[in-house]
Amino acid sequence: MIHWFIGEQPGDQEDRAGRPFVGPAGRLLDRAIRDAGIDPQLVYATNAVKHFKSTRREGKRRIHQKPGRTEVVACRPWLIAEIDAVRPQLVVCLGATAAQSLLGAAFRVSTGRGELRHPPTGARCRPPVLATVHPSAVL
C-alpha cells in the first residue's frame, strides 16, 4: 500500500529542488514516517498547490505566502489526476489548505483533525481523507 501525504504548497527549498518535503518540514515528516514504522519507499508526497507563492524581502530569501482559494481551485485538477493515477486507499492531508482542497473550504483542521472523512458527494476524489496539522506547524 502506498501512503499518501498532501501538503499545502512547495516551500522555498522544495521549489528550488523541484520535489516536495525536502526542507525542514520534510525532514520532520520523514522522521515521523520512519517512527511510525512506514517504509519511506511506500510514501507518495505531493502538494495541493503546485507553485510556490512568495514575497521577497530585502536581503532575505523568498518568504512563503498562503495560497488563496483561487490557487487551490486552479491546482485541484492536477491533484485529482495524481490521485486517480496512484489510487491510494487513504489520503493524509497535512494542514488546512491540503484538506480544504479535497474536503471543501469550510473544513477546519482545528475541529476535524484525525477524523476519517469522505469528500463531498459528487467529488472526483474517491479515497477517504484524514487531515492533521502540517509538519511546519510543529516547527
Protein backbone atom coordinates (compact mmCIF):
# COMPACT_ATOMS: atom_id res chain seq x y z
CA MET A 1 0.00 0.00 0.00
CA ILE A 2 1.25 3.46 -0.87
CA HIS A 3 0.89 6.06 1.89
CA TRP A 4 -0.25 9.40 0.50
CA PHE A 5 0.61 12.75 2.06
CA ILE A 6 -0.54 16.09 0.67
CA GLY A 7 0.93 19.39 1.82
CA GLU A 8 -0.08 22.97 1.12
CA GLN A 9 2.42 24.15 -1.50
CA PRO A 10 6.16 23.90 -2.15
CA GLY A 11 8.34 25.93 0.18
CA ASP A 12 11.44 27.82 -0.91
CA GLN A 13 13.71 24.76 -0.74
CA GLU A 14 11.10 22.49 -2.36
CA ASP A 15 10.57 24.95 -5.19
CA ARG A 16 14.30 25.12 -5.88
CA ALA A 17 14.71 21.31 -5.67
CA GLY A 18 11.58 20.56 -7.70
CA ARG A 19 10.44 18.00 -5.10
CA PRO A 20 8.05 18.21 -2.15
CA PHE A 21 9.08 17.99 1.51
CA VAL A 22 12.86 18.40 1.19
CA GLY A 23 13.17 21.27 3.69
CA PRO A 24 12.88 21.29 7.49
CA ALA A 25 9.19 20.26 7.49
CA GLY A 26 10.04 17.41 5.12
CA ARG A 27 12.78 16.16 7.40
CA LEU A 28 10.34 16.18 10.32
CA LEU A 29 7.74 14.35 8.23
CA ASP A 30 10.33 11.78 7.16
CA ARG A 31 11.27 11.16 10.80
CA ALA A 32 7.60 10.77 11.78
CA ILE A 33 7.04 8.33 8.90
CA ARG A 34 10.01 6.22 9.98
CA ASP A 35 8.96 6.39 13.66
CA ALA A 36 5.51 5.13 12.63
CA GLY A 37 7.12 2.11 11.00
CA ILE A 38 6.19 3.16 7.47
CA ASP A 39 8.63 2.29 4.71
CA PRO A 40 9.64 5.64 3.12
CA GLN A 41 9.77 3.87 -0.26
CA LEU A 42 5.98 3.43 0.02
CA VAL A 43 5.29 7.13 0.60
CA TYR A 44 3.98 9.47 -2.07
CA ALA A 45 4.15 13.15 -1.16
CA THR A 46 2.68 15.99 -3.16
CA ASN A 47 1.13 19.41 -2.66
CA ALA A 48 -2.38 20.77 -3.17
CA VAL A 49 -0.99 23.91 -4.81
CA LYS A 50 1.75 23.20 -7.31
CA HIS A 51 3.64 26.50 -7.28
CA PHE A 52 5.45 28.45 -4.56
CA LYS A 53 3.61 31.64 -3.69
CA SER A 54 6.07 34.02 -2.08
CA THR A 55 7.19 37.54 -1.50
CA ARG A 56 10.75 38.86 -1.36
CA ARG A 57 12.10 40.90 1.50
CA GLU A 58 15.30 42.91 1.25
CA GLY A 59 18.31 40.73 1.94
CA LYS A 60 16.13 37.73 2.75
CA ARG A 61 15.11 34.58 0.97
CA ARG A 62 11.70 34.23 -0.57
CA ILE A 63 9.04 34.24 2.16
CA HIS A 64 6.05 31.90 1.99
CA GLN A 65 2.59 33.36 1.39
CA LYS A 66 -0.52 31.29 1.99
CA PRO A 67 -2.15 30.38 -1.32
CA GLY A 68 -5.60 31.78 -1.95
CA ARG A 69 -8.73 29.84 -2.75
CA THR A 70 -8.30 30.65 -6.46
CA GLU A 71 -4.90 28.92 -6.50
CA VAL A 72 -6.23 25.90 -4.60
CA VAL A 73 -9.13 25.51 -7.05
CA ALA A 74 -6.88 26.07 -10.08
CA CYS A 75 -4.46 23.32 -8.98
CA ARG A 76 -7.14 20.83 -7.90
CA PRO A 77 -7.40 19.08 -11.32
CA TRP A 78 -3.70 18.15 -11.11
CA LEU A 79 -4.13 16.83 -7.58
CA ILE A 80 -7.16 14.76 -8.61
CA ALA A 81 -5.23 13.42 -11.62
CA GLU A 82 -2.44 12.29 -9.27
CA ILE A 83 -4.97 10.57 -7.00
CA ASP A 84 -6.64 8.90 -9.99
CA ALA A 85 -3.26 7.66 -11.27
CA VAL A 86 -1.99 6.26 -7.97
CA ARG A 87 -5.34 5.18 -6.47
CA PRO A 88 -4.38 5.39 -2.80
CA GLN A 89 -6.56 3.72 -0.18
CA LEU A 90 -6.20 6.71 2.13
CA VAL A 91 -5.06 10.32 1.68
CA VAL A 92 -3.47 12.18 4.60
CA CYS A 93 -3.77 15.95 4.27
CA LEU A 94 -1.16 17.98 6.11
CA GLY A 95 -2.70 21.31 7.03
CA ALA A 96 -5.87 23.20 6.23
CA THR A 97 -5.06 24.13 2.63
CA ALA A 98 -4.45 20.50 1.65
CA ALA A 99 -7.59 19.33 3.45
CA GLN A 100 -9.75 22.10 2.02
CA SER A 101 -8.58 21.22 -1.49
CA LEU A 102 -10.37 17.86 -1.13
CA LEU A 103 -12.98 18.43 1.58
CA GLY A 104 -14.15 21.95 0.78
CA ALA A 105 -13.39 25.45 2.01
CA ALA A 106 -15.43 25.04 5.20
CA PHE A 107 -13.18 22.28 6.58
CA ARG A 108 -11.16 23.25 9.67
CA VAL A 109 -8.21 21.21 10.93
CA SER A 110 -8.86 22.53 14.44
CA THR A 111 -12.18 20.67 14.61
CA GLY A 112 -11.76 17.88 12.05
CA ARG A 113 -8.21 16.73 12.74
CA GLY A 114 -7.83 12.95 12.94
CA GLU A 115 -11.36 12.17 11.70
CA LEU A 116 -11.72 9.92 8.69
CA ARG A 117 -13.74 11.91 6.15
CA HIS A 118 -15.10 11.29 2.71
CA PRO A 119 -15.02 14.00 0.07
CA PRO A 120 -18.35 15.72 -0.66
CA THR A 121 -20.87 13.86 -2.80
CA GLY A 122 -20.01 14.18 -6.45
CA ALA A 123 -16.33 14.95 -5.77
CA ARG A 124 -13.93 13.14 -8.06
CA CYS A 125 -11.62 12.23 -5.17
CA ARG A 126 -12.66 8.74 -4.05
CA PRO A 127 -10.43 7.62 -1.18
CA PRO A 128 -11.16 8.62 2.40
CA VAL A 129 -9.23 11.61 3.73
CA LEU A 130 -7.57 12.10 7.09
CA ALA A 131 -6.41 15.61 7.98
CA THR A 132 -3.85 16.67 10.52
CA VAL A 133 -1.50 19.58 11.12
CA HIS A 134 1.31 20.32 8.71
CA PRO A 135 4.80 19.45 9.98
CA SER A 136 5.77 23.13 9.66
CA ALA A 137 3.22 23.93 12.40
CA VAL A 138 5.23 21.72 14.76
CA LEU A 139 8.46 23.53 13.88
